[in-house]
């Protein structure tokens, strides 16, 4: 399964246009009532088989399956709305998109989670913004580098963005041959990130690393140099993992266990791992998946813990054609499908 989309949240990387008015809820409509957002899952998606590269950010109420669109792809502010990471107080969602009239480049936006209004537009941004605290974002910044005698290669590092001051400070400095695919912050346990080489396929060689919270805070504050590659700790060794998300207590990470290099979308598991012991347990087994039958699932991705730690959401993919969102107990029990998009939506990011 491709380890990109939400950085490497295990979703597809193809940009397609989310069609206005598409069926977005189990009963075929987008619920118009904005309502309370406190317990909702956020996700961004596009409509399958529609030309373009527009996505929208929506909220999903797990108990009912109701979907509320937060961003509006037809708005003049952006041509695409991606991401949708919850703020610490769960009143805002941060995402990114391509500004109107711009052929390239991204703008980071903070949305009111209920009204969908753009509360802050930084006018700058790269990929996958997530929250460090109420006024600071961690963002993946992509650039390219060329060493003597070598082809140009992508470099993806973590930077911190002060929302009020619009200042940017580099947090990691991992080197020219390492690409960061996804990051998640926990105030006690630190920074979890999946990293790997700039490979032909984004899931090749990826592992999950952790950096202690105190060390990250010093880098964000500018009182220490950016985190180097030698400071990364790999609690799960060489196990091919991506798309980490912290449990609320910071003791465990739910992740995607990646396939072999030639497996494509096949055999992607949802696993949970203890950061202290390094033990990994399978929650959703993808060993029987294959992409030969478009009616059968071909991959799992983008797991996310619920705020109370009792549940985990994840995405089930059907090749690159559509997707559904599922929820289970944190133990892996009581798996149930929450959405019923009717083969229309491809989910490209997920948070809870």
C-alpha atoms as a PDB file:
ATOM      1  CA  UNK A   1       0.000   0.000   0.000  1.00  0.00           C
ATOM      2  CA  UNK A   2       1.339   3.422  -0.872  1.00  0.00           C
ATOM      3  CA  UNK A   3       2.740   5.222   2.111  1.00  0.00           C
ATOM      4  CA  UNK A   4       1.838   8.700   1.091  1.00  0.00           C
ATOM      5  CA  UNK A   5      -1.289  10.764   0.779  1.00  0.00           C
ATOM      6  CA  UNK A   6      -1.281  11.984   4.335  1.00  0.00           C
ATOM      7  CA  UNK A   7       2.463  12.227   4.198  1.00  0.00           C
ATOM      8  CA  UNK A   8       2.740   8.527   4.602  1.00  0.00           C
ATOM      9  CA  UNK A   9      -0.513   7.926   6.284  1.00  0.00           C
ATOM     10  CA  UNK A  10      -1.026   4.997   3.990  1.00  0.00           C
ATOM     11  CA  UNK A  11      -3.363   6.711   1.536  1.00  0.00           C
ATOM     12  CA  UNK A  12      -3.174   7.280  -2.207  1.00  0.00           C
ATOM     13  CA  UNK A  13      -1.158  10.209  -3.484  1.00  0.00           C
ATOM     14  CA  UNK A  14      -3.211  10.888  -6.620  1.00  0.00           C
ATOM     15  CA  UNK A  15      -4.980  14.256  -6.551  1.00  0.00           C
ATOM     16  CA  UNK A  16      -8.543  14.160  -7.850  1.00  0.00           C
ATOM     17  CA  UNK A  17     -11.393  16.561  -7.638  1.00  0.00           C
ATOM     18  CA  UNK A  18     -14.021  16.161  -4.926  1.00  0.00           C
ATOM     19  CA  UNK A  19     -17.299  16.763  -6.700  1.00  0.00           C
ATOM     20  CA  UNK A  20     -19.608  19.326  -5.098  1.00  0.00           C
ATOM     21  CA  UNK A  21     -22.755  17.716  -3.795  1.00  0.00           C
ATOM     22  CA  UNK A  22     -21.401  14.165  -3.904  1.00  0.00           C
ATOM     23  CA  UNK A  23     -23.049  11.664  -1.575  1.00  0.00           C
ATOM     24  CA  UNK A  24     -21.010  11.925   1.592  1.00  0.00           C
ATOM     25  CA  UNK A  25     -23.081  10.150   4.249  1.00  0.00           C
ATOM     26  CA  UNK A  26     -24.611   6.683   4.660  1.00  0.00           C
ATOM     27  CA  UNK A  27     -28.019   7.990   3.624  1.00  0.00           C
ATOM     28  CA  UNK A  28     -26.645   9.785   0.589  1.00  0.00           C
ATOM     29  CA  UNK A  29     -26.474  13.403   1.780  1.00  0.00           C
ATOM     30  CA  UNK A  30     -24.118  15.802   3.473  1.00  0.00           C
ATOM     31  CA  UNK A  31     -25.669  16.717   6.795  1.00  0.00           C
ATOM     32  CA  UNK A  32     -26.261  20.506   6.855  1.00  0.00           C
ATOM     33  CA  UNK A  33     -26.211  20.839  10.653  1.00  0.00           C
ATOM     34  CA  UNK A  34     -22.710  21.848  11.727  1.00  0.00           C
ATOM     35  CA  UNK A  35     -23.378  20.812  15.340  1.00  0.00           C
ATOM     36  CA  UNK A  36     -20.764  19.894  17.930  1.00  0.00           C
ATOM     37  CA  UNK A  37     -17.379  18.726  16.722  1.00  0.00           C
ATOM     38  CA  UNK A  38     -15.825  17.493  19.941  1.00  0.00           C
ATOM     39  CA  UNK A  39     -16.076  13.742  19.286  1.00  0.00           C
ATOM     40  CA  UNK A  40     -15.873  13.738  15.489  1.00  0.00           C
ATOM     41  CA  UNK A  41     -13.308  12.169  13.177  1.00  0.00           C
ATOM     42  CA  UNK A  42     -11.856  14.557  10.595  1.00  0.00           C
ATOM     43  CA  UNK A  43     -10.861  13.464   7.107  1.00  0.00           C
ATOM     44  CA  UNK A  44     -10.209  14.840   3.646  1.00  0.00           C
ATOM     45  CA  UNK A  45     -11.333  13.131   0.471  1.00  0.00           C
ATOM     46  CA  UNK A  46     -11.964  13.477  -3.230  1.00  0.00           C
ATOM     47  CA  UNK A  47     -14.552  11.883  -5.476  1.00  0.00           C
ATOM     48  CA  UNK A  48     -13.310   8.880  -7.426  1.00  0.00           C
ATOM     49  CA  UNK A  49     -13.082   9.022 -11.217  1.00  0.00           C
ATOM     50  CA  UNK A  50     -13.548  12.797 -11.408  1.00  0.00           C
ATOM     51  CA  UNK A  51     -10.845  14.783 -13.176  1.00  0.00           C
ATOM     52  CA  UNK A  52      -8.991  17.463 -11.225  1.00  0.00           C
ATOM     53  CA  UNK A  53      -7.145  17.640  -7.940  1.00  0.00           C
ATOM     54  CA  UNK A  54      -9.589  19.070  -5.408  1.00  0.00           C
ATOM     55  CA  UNK A  55     -10.214  17.613  -1.975  1.00  0.00           C
ATOM     56  CA  UNK A  56     -12.371  18.798   0.907  1.00  0.00           C
ATOM     57  CA  UNK A  57     -12.082  18.440   4.670  1.00  0.00           C
ATOM     58  CA  UNK A  58     -15.073  16.911   6.462  1.00  0.00           C
ATOM     59  CA  UNK A  59     -16.103  15.728   9.921  1.00  0.00           C
ATOM     60  CA  UNK A  60     -17.538  12.285  10.615  1.00  0.00           C
ATOM     61  CA  UNK A  61     -19.676  11.496  13.662  1.00  0.00           C
ATOM     62  CA  UNK A  62     -18.774   7.869  14.526  1.00  0.00           C
ATOM     63  CA  UNK A  63     -21.993   7.087  16.383  1.00  0.00           C
ATOM     64  CA  UNK A  64     -24.257   7.944  13.446  1.00  0.00           C
ATOM     65  CA  UNK A  65     -22.076   7.966  10.338  1.00  0.00           C
ATOM     66  CA  UNK A  66     -23.183  11.528   9.584  1.00  0.00           C
ATOM     67  CA  UNK A  67     -20.668  13.553   7.563  1.00  0.00           C
ATOM     68  CA  UNK A  68     -20.384  17.341   7.768  1.00  0.00           C
ATOM     69  CA  UNK A  69     -18.291  19.162   5.206  1.00  0.00           C
ATOM     70  CA  UNK A  70     -15.963  21.716   6.808  1.00  0.00           C
ATOM     71  CA  UNK A  71     -14.157  23.224   3.821  1.00  0.00           C
ATOM     72  CA  UNK A  72     -15.772  24.056   0.521  1.00  0.00           C
ATOM     73  CA  UNK A  73     -13.849  23.233  -2.629  1.00  0.00           C
ATOM     74  CA  UNK A  74     -15.796  25.825  -4.609  1.00  0.00           C
ATOM     75  CA  UNK A  75     -14.636  28.665  -2.346  1.00  0.00           C
ATOM     76  CA  UNK A  76     -12.226  31.262  -3.758  1.00  0.00           C
ATOM     77  CA  UNK A  77      -9.697  30.711  -0.975  1.00  0.00           C
ATOM     78  CA  UNK A  78      -8.208  27.535  -2.389  1.00  0.00           C
ATOM     79  CA  UNK A  79      -8.397  24.986  -5.139  1.00  0.00           C
ATOM     80  CA  UNK A  80      -7.918  22.137  -2.720  1.00  0.00           C
ATOM     81  CA  UNK A  81      -8.366  21.508   0.991  1.00  0.00           C
ATOM     82  CA  UNK A  82      -6.313  18.662   2.457  1.00  0.00           C
ATOM     83  CA  UNK A  83      -5.463  17.419   5.928  1.00  0.00           C
ATOM     84  CA  UNK A  84      -7.652  18.388   8.864  1.00  0.00           C
ATOM     85  CA  UNK A  85      -5.656  17.816  12.059  1.00  0.00           C
ATOM     86  CA  UNK A  86      -7.448  18.664  15.293  1.00  0.00           C
ATOM     87  CA  UNK A  87      -6.104  21.465  17.497  1.00  0.00           C
ATOM     88  CA  UNK A  88      -5.378  20.570  21.158  1.00  0.00           C
ATOM     89  CA  UNK A  89      -8.657  22.197  22.265  1.00  0.00           C
ATOM     90  CA  UNK A  90     -10.572  20.527  19.377  1.00  0.00           C
ATOM     91  CA  UNK A  91     -12.069  23.777  18.118  1.00  0.00           C
ATOM     92  CA  UNK A  92      -9.916  24.128  14.980  1.00  0.00           C
ATOM     93  CA  UNK A  93      -8.608  22.027  12.124  1.00  0.00           C
ATOM     94  CA  UNK A  94      -5.364  22.713  10.297  1.00  0.00           C
ATOM     95  CA  UNK A  95      -4.952  21.777   6.665  1.00  0.00           C
ATOM     96  CA  UNK A  96      -3.238  22.917   3.525  1.00  0.00           C
ATOM     97  CA  UNK A  97      -4.131  23.555  -0.070  1.00  0.00           C
ATOM     98  CA  UNK A  98      -3.196  25.178  -3.340  1.00  0.00           C
ATOM     99  CA  UNK A  99      -4.167  28.875  -3.526  1.00  0.00           C
ATOM    100  CA  UNK A 100      -6.352  30.107  -6.354  1.00  0.00           C
ATOM    101  CA  UNK A 101      -4.332  31.152  -9.374  1.00  0.00           C
ATOM    102  CA  UNK A 102      -1.246  29.265  -8.224  1.00  0.00           C
ATOM    103  CA  UNK A 103       0.151  26.476 -10.337  1.00  0.00           C
ATOM    104  CA  UNK A 104       2.254  25.203  -7.465  1.00  0.00           C
ATOM    105  CA  UNK A 105       2.922  25.789  -3.795  1.00  0.00           C
ATOM    106  CA  UNK A 106       0.731  25.274  -0.753  1.00  0.00           C
ATOM    107  CA  UNK A 107      -0.902  27.557   1.782  1.00  0.00           C
ATOM    108  CA  UNK A 108      -1.504  26.452   5.371  1.00  0.00           C
ATOM    109  CA  UNK A 109      -4.981  27.190   6.721  1.00  0.00           C
ATOM    110  CA  UNK A 110      -6.616  26.907  10.119  1.00  0.00           C
ATOM    111  CA  UNK A 111     -10.363  26.319   9.964  1.00  0.00           C
ATOM    112  CA  UNK A 112     -13.041  26.755  12.579  1.00  0.00           C
ATOM    113  CA  UNK A 113     -14.110  23.135  13.073  1.00  0.00           C
ATOM    114  CA  UNK A 114     -17.813  23.999  13.284  1.00  0.00           C
ATOM    115  CA  UNK A 115     -18.366  26.878  10.867  1.00  0.00           C
ATOM    116  CA  UNK A 116     -15.622  25.965   8.409  1.00  0.00           C
ATOM    117  CA  UNK A 117     -14.450  29.579   8.315  1.00  0.00           C
ATOM    118  CA  UNK A 118     -10.758  30.094   7.603  1.00  0.00           C
ATOM    119  CA  UNK A 119      -9.617  31.531  10.933  1.00  0.00           C
ATOM    120  CA  UNK A 120      -5.956  31.874   9.942  1.00  0.00           C
ATOM    121  CA  UNK A 121      -4.261  31.695   6.564  1.00  0.00           C
ATOM    122  CA  UNK A 122      -0.502  31.673   6.787  1.00  0.00           C
ATOM    123  CA  UNK A 123       0.074  32.146   3.095  1.00  0.00           C
ATOM    124  CA  UNK A 124       2.962  29.729   3.401  1.00  0.00           C
ATOM    125  CA  UNK A 125       3.137  26.054   3.913  1.00  0.00           C
ATOM    126  CA  UNK A 126       4.271  22.734   2.660  1.00  0.00           C
ATOM    127  CA  UNK A 127       2.670  19.455   3.686  1.00  0.00           C
ATOM    128  CA  UNK A 128       0.907  17.727   6.525  1.00  0.00           C
ATOM    129  CA  UNK A 129       0.658  20.449   9.184  1.00  0.00           C
ATOM    130  CA  UNK A 130      -0.037  19.134  12.672  1.00  0.00           C
ATOM    131  CA  UNK A 131      -0.203  20.845  16.061  1.00  0.00           C
ATOM    132  CA  UNK A 132       2.712  21.248  18.460  1.00  0.00           C
ATOM    133  CA  UNK A 133       0.719  23.479  20.818  1.00  0.00           C
ATOM    134  CA  UNK A 134      -2.121  26.008  20.546  1.00  0.00           C
ATOM    135  CA  UNK A 135      -0.029  28.502  18.578  1.00  0.00           C
ATOM    136  CA  UNK A 136       2.668  26.409  16.875  1.00  0.00           C
ATOM    137  CA  UNK A 137       2.457  23.967  13.978  1.00  0.00           C
ATOM    138  CA  UNK A 138       4.827  21.238  12.864  1.00  0.00           C
ATOM    139  CA  UNK A 139       4.972  21.087   9.072  1.00  0.00           C
ATOM    140  CA  UNK A 140       6.803  18.914   6.559  1.00  0.00           C
ATOM    141  CA  UNK A 141       8.933  21.034   4.254  1.00  0.00           C
ATOM    142  CA  UNK A 142      10.078  19.575   0.954  1.00  0.00           C
ATOM    143  CA  UNK A 143      13.099  20.719  -0.973  1.00  0.00           C
ATOM    144  CA  UNK A 144      15.586  19.043  -3.266  1.00  0.00           C
ATOM    145  CA  UNK A 145      19.325  18.604  -3.135  1.00  0.00           C
ATOM    146  CA  UNK A 146      21.981  17.492  -5.576  1.00  0.00           C
ATOM    147  CA  UNK A 147      25.318  16.069  -4.544  1.00  0.00           C
ATOM    148  CA  UNK A 148      28.277  15.935  -6.942  1.00  0.00           C
ATOM    149  CA  UNK A 149      27.768  13.170  -9.481  1.00  0.00           C
ATOM    150  CA  UNK A 150      24.245  12.346  -8.263  1.00  0.00           C
ATOM    151  CA  UNK A 151      20.715  13.052  -9.434  1.00  0.00           C
ATOM    152  CA  UNK A 152      18.613  15.617  -7.619  1.00  0.00           C
ATOM    153  CA  UNK A 153      16.815  14.010  -4.657  1.00  0.00           C
ATOM    154  CA  UNK A 154      13.937  15.065  -2.448  1.00  0.00           C
ATOM    155  CA  UNK A 155      14.606  16.137   1.117  1.00  0.00           C
ATOM    156  CA  UNK A 156      11.716  16.385   3.584  1.00  0.00           C
ATOM    157  CA  UNK A 157      12.353  17.870   7.025  1.00  0.00           C
ATOM    158  CA  UNK A 158      10.179  18.973   9.953  1.00  0.00           C
ATOM    159  CA  UNK A 159       9.861  22.702  10.623  1.00  0.00           C
ATOM    160  CA  UNK A 160       7.956  24.610  13.327  1.00  0.00           C
ATOM    161  CA  UNK A 161       5.707  27.510  12.324  1.00  0.00           C
ATOM    162  CA  UNK A 162       4.587  30.150  14.837  1.00  0.00           C
ATOM    163  CA  UNK A 163       1.003  30.898  13.808  1.00  0.00           C
ATOM    164  CA  UNK A 164       0.946  34.450  15.203  1.00  0.00           C
ATOM    165  CA  UNK A 165       4.417  35.608  14.169  1.00  0.00           C
ATOM    166  CA  UNK A 166       4.658  33.571  10.936  1.00  0.00           C
ATOM    167  CA  UNK A 167       8.194  32.587  11.876  1.00  0.00           C
ATOM    168  CA  UNK A 168       9.681  29.275  10.751  1.00  0.00           C
ATOM    169  CA  UNK A 169      12.352  27.246  12.532  1.00  0.00           C
ATOM    170  CA  UNK A 170      13.894  23.969  11.375  1.00  0.00           C
ATOM    171  CA  UNK A 171      13.268  21.085  13.802  1.00  0.00           C
ATOM    172  CA  UNK A 172      15.012  18.166  12.067  1.00  0.00           C
ATOM    173  CA  UNK A 173      18.122  17.921   9.926  1.00  0.00           C
ATOM    174  CA  UNK A 174      18.220  14.299   8.837  1.00  0.00           C
ATOM    175  CA  UNK A 175      20.207  14.588   5.638  1.00  0.00           C
ATOM    176  CA  UNK A 176      19.859  14.536   1.900  1.00  0.00           C
ATOM    177  CA  UNK A 177      18.868  10.866   1.587  1.00  0.00           C
ATOM    178  CA  UNK A 178      16.108  10.774   4.221  1.00  0.00           C
ATOM    179  CA  UNK A 179      12.462  11.746   3.703  1.00  0.00           C
ATOM    180  CA  UNK A 180       9.996  12.299   6.550  1.00  0.00           C
ATOM    181  CA  UNK A 181       6.554  10.977   5.647  1.00  0.00           C
ATOM    182  CA  UNK A 182       4.407  11.725   8.697  1.00  0.00           C
ATOM    183  CA  UNK A 183       4.785  13.253  12.156  1.00  0.00           C
ATOM    184  CA  UNK A 184       2.761  13.123  15.352  1.00  0.00           C
ATOM    185  CA  UNK A 185       3.499  15.029  18.550  1.00  0.00           C
ATOM    186  CA  UNK A 186       2.769  14.022  22.140  1.00  0.00           C
ATOM    187  CA  UNK A 187       3.633  16.551  24.888  1.00  0.00           C
ATOM    188  CA  UNK A 188       5.105  13.882  27.186  1.00  0.00           C
ATOM    189  CA  UNK A 189       6.323  11.156  24.843  1.00  0.00           C
ATOM    190  CA  UNK A 190       7.746  13.329  22.078  1.00  0.00           C
ATOM    191  CA  UNK A 191       7.779  13.291  18.304  1.00  0.00           C
ATOM    192  CA  UNK A 192       6.903  10.145  16.350  1.00  0.00           C
ATOM    193  CA  UNK A 193       7.789  10.187  12.681  1.00  0.00           C
ATOM    194  CA  UNK A 194       8.200   7.750   9.856  1.00  0.00           C
ATOM    195  CA  UNK A 195      11.377   8.173   7.871  1.00  0.00           C
ATOM    196  CA  UNK A 196      13.020   6.436   4.976  1.00  0.00           C
ATOM    197  CA  UNK A 197      15.099   6.940   1.857  1.00  0.00           C
ATOM    198  CA  UNK A 198      13.996   8.886  -1.187  1.00  0.00           C
ATOM    199  CA  UNK A 199      12.898   5.642  -2.854  1.00  0.00           C
ATOM    200  CA  UNK A 200      11.022   4.893  -6.109  1.00  0.00           C
ATOM    201  CA  UNK A 201       7.982   3.913  -4.044  1.00  0.00           C
ATOM    202  CA  UNK A 202       7.185   5.934  -0.897  1.00  0.00           C
ATOM    203  CA  UNK A 203       6.684   2.885   1.334  1.00  0.00           C
ATOM    204  CA  UNK A 204      10.102   1.372   0.654  1.00  0.00           C
ATOM    205  CA  UNK A 205      12.437   1.277   3.633  1.00  0.00           C
ATOM    206  CA  UNK A 206      10.231   3.272   5.996  1.00  0.00           C
ATOM    207  CA  UNK A 207      10.553   2.927   9.777  1.00  0.00           C
ATOM    208  CA  UNK A 208       9.005   4.714  12.746  1.00  0.00           C
ATOM    209  CA  UNK A 209      11.322   6.738  14.973  1.00  0.00           C
ATOM    210  CA  UNK A 210      10.778   8.666  18.206  1.00  0.00           C
ATOM    211  CA  UNK A 211      12.513  11.793  19.537  1.00  0.00           C
ATOM    212  CA  UNK A 212      12.136  12.715  23.252  1.00  0.00           C
ATOM    213  CA  UNK A 213       9.787  15.614  23.996  1.00  0.00           C
ATOM    214  CA  UNK A 214      12.404  17.727  25.786  1.00  0.00           C
ATOM    215  CA  UNK A 215      14.784  17.512  22.824  1.00  0.00           C
ATOM    216  CA  UNK A 216      12.077  18.558  20.364  1.00  0.00           C
ATOM    217  CA  UNK A 217      11.043  21.496  22.544  1.00  0.00           C
ATOM    218  CA  UNK A 218      14.596  22.820  22.515  1.00  0.00           C
ATOM    219  CA  UNK A 219      14.736  22.600  18.735  1.00  0.00           C
ATOM    220  CA  UNK A 220      11.369  24.342  18.378  1.00  0.00           C
ATOM    221  CA  UNK A 221      12.459  27.097  20.782  1.00  0.00           C
ATOM    222  CA  UNK A 222      15.763  27.565  18.991  1.00  0.00           C
ATOM    223  CA  UNK A 223      17.840  26.823  22.081  1.00  0.00           C
ATOM    224  CA  UNK A 224      19.360  23.743  20.424  1.00  0.00           C
ATOM    225  CA  UNK A 225      20.300  22.697  16.913  1.00  0.00           C
ATOM    226  CA  UNK A 226      17.794  20.751  14.789  1.00  0.00           C
ATOM    227  CA  UNK A 227      17.445  17.061  15.616  1.00  0.00           C
ATOM    228  CA  UNK A 228      20.005  15.019  13.691  1.00  0.00           C
ATOM    229  CA  UNK A 229      19.643  11.524  12.283  1.00  0.00           C
ATOM    230  CA  UNK A 230      21.832  10.061  15.026  1.00  0.00           C
ATOM    231  CA  UNK A 231      19.313  11.206  17.654  1.00  0.00           C
ATOM    232  CA  UNK A 232      16.436   9.174  16.226  1.00  0.00           C
ATOM    233  CA  UNK A 233      15.416   6.140  18.285  1.00  0.00           C
ATOM    234  CA  UNK A 234      13.685   3.237  16.555  1.00  0.00           C
ATOM    235  CA  UNK A 235      11.635   1.419  19.227  1.00  0.00           C
ATOM    236  CA  UNK A 236      10.416  -1.178  16.716  1.00  0.00           C
ATOM    237  CA  UNK A 237      13.766  -1.838  15.072  1.00  0.00           C
ATOM    238  CA  UNK A 238      13.759  -2.461  11.342  1.00  0.00           C
ATOM    239  CA  UNK A 239      10.077  -3.401  11.134  1.00  0.00           C
ATOM    240  CA  UNK A 240       8.676  -1.591   8.058  1.00  0.00           C
ATOM    241  CA  UNK A 241       6.212   0.849   9.591  1.00  0.00           C
ATOM    242  CA  UNK A 242       4.588   4.165   8.700  1.00  0.00           C
ATOM    243  CA  UNK A 243       1.745   6.503   9.650  1.00  0.00           C
ATOM    244  CA  UNK A 244       2.218   6.606  13.451  1.00  0.00           C
ATOM    245  CA  UNK A 245      -0.405   8.054  15.799  1.00  0.00           C
ATOM    246  CA  UNK A 246       0.040   8.343  19.577  1.00  0.00           C
ATOM    247  CA  UNK A 247      -2.339   6.860  22.109  1.00  0.00           C
ATOM    248  CA  UNK A 248      -3.607   9.616  24.427  1.00  0.00           C
ATOM    249  CA  UNK A 249      -1.396   8.344  27.271  1.00  0.00           C
ATOM    250  CA  UNK A 250       1.679   8.365  25.031  1.00  0.00           C
ATOM    251  CA  UNK A 251       2.566   4.735  25.763  1.00  0.00           C
ATOM    252  CA  UNK A 252       1.688   3.221  22.381  1.00  0.00           C
ATOM    253  CA  UNK A 253       1.640   4.010  18.698  1.00  0.00           C
ATOM    254  CA  UNK A 254      -0.877   2.721  16.192  1.00  0.00           C
ATOM    255  CA  UNK A 255       0.784   2.348  12.792  1.00  0.00           C
ATOM    256  CA  UNK A 256       0.636   0.829   9.329  1.00  0.00           C
ATOM    257  CA  UNK A 257       2.922  -2.153   8.853  1.00  0.00           C
ATOM    258  CA  UNK A 258       4.154  -1.766   5.324  1.00  0.00           C
ATOM    259  CA  UNK A 259       4.385  -4.407   2.588  1.00  0.00           C
ATOM    260  CA  UNK A 260       7.475  -5.734   0.893  1.00  0.00           C
ATOM    261  CA  UNK A 261       9.045  -3.680  -1.856  1.00  0.00           C
ATOM    262  CA  UNK A 262       7.212  -5.494  -4.654  1.00  0.00           C
ATOM    263  CA  UNK A 263       3.844  -5.831  -2.931  1.00  0.00           C
ATOM    264  CA  UNK A 264       2.165  -2.603  -4.028  1.00  0.00           C
ATOM    265  CA  UNK A 265      -1.046  -2.177  -2.068  1.00  0.00           C
ATOM    266  CA  UNK A 266      -1.067  -5.727  -0.742  1.00  0.00           C
ATOM    267  CA  UNK A 267      -0.669  -7.077   2.810  1.00  0.00           C
ATOM    268  CA  UNK A 268      -0.828  -3.843   4.784  1.00  0.00           C
ATOM    269  CA  UNK A 269      -1.662  -4.345   8.463  1.00  0.00           C
ATOM    270  CA  UNK A 270      -2.870  -1.969  11.164  1.00  0.00           C
ATOM    271  CA  UNK A 271      -0.706  -2.628  14.220  1.00  0.00           C
ATOM    272  CA  UNK A 272      -0.175  -1.198  17.692  1.00  0.00           C
ATOM    273  CA  UNK A 273       3.236  -1.048  19.331  1.00  0.00           C
ATOM    274  CA  UNK A 274       4.531  -0.365  22.827  1.00  0.00           C
ATOM    275  CA  UNK A 275       7.173   2.357  22.680  1.00  0.00           C
ATOM    276  CA  UNK A 276       8.858   1.011  25.812  1.00  0.00           C
ATOM    277  CA  UNK A 277       9.028  -2.695  24.933  1.00  0.00           C
ATOM    278  CA  UNK A 278       9.008  -2.465  21.141  1.00  0.00           C
ATOM    279  CA  UNK A 279       6.391  -5.207  20.946  1.00  0.00           C
ATOM    280  CA  UNK A 280       4.007  -4.934  17.975  1.00  0.00           C
ATOM    281  CA  UNK A 281       0.548  -6.568  17.831  1.00  0.00           C
ATOM    282  CA  UNK A 282      -1.698  -6.851  14.775  1.00  0.00           C
ATOM    283  CA  UNK A 283      -5.127  -5.214  15.059  1.00  0.00           C
ATOM    284  CA  UNK A 284      -6.255  -5.474  11.428  1.00  0.00           C
ATOM    285  CA  UNK A 285      -4.647  -8.275   9.430  1.00  0.00           C
ATOM    286  CA  UNK A 286      -4.017  -7.460   5.792  1.00  0.00           C
ATOM    287  CA  UNK A 287      -2.170 -10.654   4.898  1.00  0.00           C
ATOM    288  CA  UNK A 288      -5.055 -11.932   2.776  1.00  0.00           C
ATOM    289  CA  UNK A 289      -5.530  -8.755   0.785  1.00  0.00           C
ATOM    290  CA  UNK A 290      -4.920  -8.579  -2.953  1.00  0.00           C
ATOM    291  CA  UNK A 291      -5.613  -6.013  -5.645  1.00  0.00           C
ATOM    292  CA  UNK A 292      -6.776  -8.409  -8.341  1.00  0.00           C
ATOM    293  CA  UNK A 293     -10.477  -8.086  -7.476  1.00  0.00           C
ATOM    294  CA  UNK A 294     -11.724  -4.463  -7.405  1.00  0.00           C
ATOM    295  CA  UNK A 295     -14.660  -5.527  -5.226  1.00  0.00           C
ATOM    296  CA  UNK A 296     -12.328  -6.676  -2.441  1.00  0.00           C
ATOM    297  CA  UNK A 297     -10.225  -4.493  -0.101  1.00  0.00           C
ATOM    298  CA  UNK A 298      -6.659  -3.974  -1.247  1.00  0.00           C
ATOM    299  CA  UNK A 299      -5.145  -2.115   1.693  1.00  0.00           C
ATOM    300  CA  UNK A 300      -5.596  -0.527   5.121  1.00  0.00           C
ATOM    301  CA  UNK A 301      -4.179   2.794   6.228  1.00  0.00           C
ATOM    302  CA  UNK A 302      -4.171   6.011   8.268  1.00  0.00           C
ATOM    303  CA  UNK A 303      -5.022   4.681  11.756  1.00  0.00           C
ATOM    304  CA  UNK A 304      -5.971   7.272  14.387  1.00  0.00           C
ATOM    305  CA  UNK A 305      -6.732   7.003  18.110  1.00  0.00           C
ATOM    306  CA  UNK A 306      -9.918   8.437  19.571  1.00  0.00           C
ATOM    307  CA  UNK A 307      -9.405  11.269  22.095  1.00  0.00           C
ATOM    308  CA  UNK A 308     -10.345   8.976  25.004  1.00  0.00           C
ATOM    309  CA  UNK A 309      -8.075   6.154  23.815  1.00  0.00           C
ATOM    310  CA  UNK A 310     -10.920   3.633  23.702  1.00  0.00           C
ATOM    311  CA  UNK A 311     -11.187   3.340  19.919  1.00  0.00           C
ATOM    312  CA  UNK A 312      -9.146   3.473  16.725  1.00  0.00           C
ATOM    313  CA  UNK A 313     -10.321   4.563  13.286  1.00  0.00           C
ATOM    314  CA  UNK A 314      -8.716   3.482  10.022  1.00  0.00           C
ATOM    315  CA  UNK A 315      -9.334   3.508   6.279  1.00  0.00           C
ATOM    316  CA  UNK A 316     -10.070   0.502   4.094  1.00  0.00           C
ATOM    317  CA  UNK A 317      -9.062   0.960   0.443  1.00  0.00           C
ATOM    318  CA  UNK A 318     -10.410  -0.709  -2.663  1.00  0.00           C
ATOM    319  CA  UNK A 319      -7.457  -0.394  -5.017  1.00  0.00           C
ATOM    320  CA  UNK A 320      -7.255   3.321  -5.866  1.00  0.00           C
ATOM    321  CA  UNK A 321     -10.945   3.615  -6.613  1.00  0.00           C
ATOM    322  CA  UNK A 322     -12.716   4.293  -3.311  1.00  0.00           C
ATOM    323  CA  UNK A 323     -12.417   3.926   0.439  1.00  0.00           C
ATOM    324  CA  UNK A 324     -14.434   3.474   3.621  1.00  0.00           C
ATOM    325  CA  UNK A 325     -13.744   4.499   7.219  1.00  0.00           C
ATOM    326  CA  UNK A 326     -13.899   1.875   9.964  1.00  0.00           C
ATOM    327  CA  UNK A 327     -13.748   2.029  13.781  1.00  0.00           C
ATOM    328  CA  UNK A 328     -12.766  -0.628  16.319  1.00  0.00           C
ATOM    329  CA  UNK A 329     -12.011  -0.922  20.010  1.00  0.00           C
ATOM    330  CA  UNK A 330      -8.387  -0.159  20.876  1.00  0.00           C
ATOM    331  CA  UNK A 331      -7.960  -3.901  21.478  1.00  0.00           C
ATOM    332  CA  UNK A 332      -8.974  -4.652  17.891  1.00  0.00           C
ATOM    333  CA  UNK A 333     -12.419  -5.959  18.857  1.00  0.00           C
ATOM    334  CA  UNK A 334     -15.800  -4.837  17.507  1.00  0.00           C
ATOM    335  CA  UNK A 335     -14.661  -3.703  14.071  1.00  0.00           C
ATOM    336  CA  UNK A 336     -17.420  -1.946  12.184  1.00  0.00           C
ATOM    337  CA  UNK A 337     -17.726   0.177   9.067  1.00  0.00           C
ATOM    338  CA  UNK A 338     -18.842   3.738   9.828  1.00  0.00           C
ATOM    339  CA  UNK A 339     -19.196   5.249   6.360  1.00  0.00           C
ATOM    340  CA  UNK A 340     -21.063   4.029   3.322  1.00  0.00           C
ATOM    341  CA  UNK A 341     -19.821   6.225   0.517  1.00  0.00           C
ATOM    342  CA  UNK A 342     -21.142   3.949  -2.202  1.00  0.00           C
ATOM    343  CA  UNK A 343     -17.880   3.614  -4.127  1.00  0.00           C
ATOM    344  CA  UNK A 344     -17.556   7.400  -4.523  1.00  0.00           C
ATOM    345  CA  UNK A 345     -14.975   8.799  -2.094  1.00  0.00           C
ATOM    346  CA  UNK A 346     -11.221   8.280  -1.756  1.00  0.00           C
ATOM    347  CA  UNK A 347     -10.007   9.290   1.715  1.00  0.00           C
ATOM    348  CA  UNK A 348      -6.559  10.893   1.746  1.00  0.00           C
ATOM    349  CA  UNK A 349      -6.184  11.925   5.404  1.00  0.00           C
ATOM    350  CA  UNK A 350      -7.703  10.999   8.770  1.00  0.00           C
ATOM    351  CA  UNK A 351      -7.510  12.313  12.341  1.00  0.00           C
ATOM    352  CA  UNK A 352      -9.558  11.834  15.511  1.00  0.00           C
END
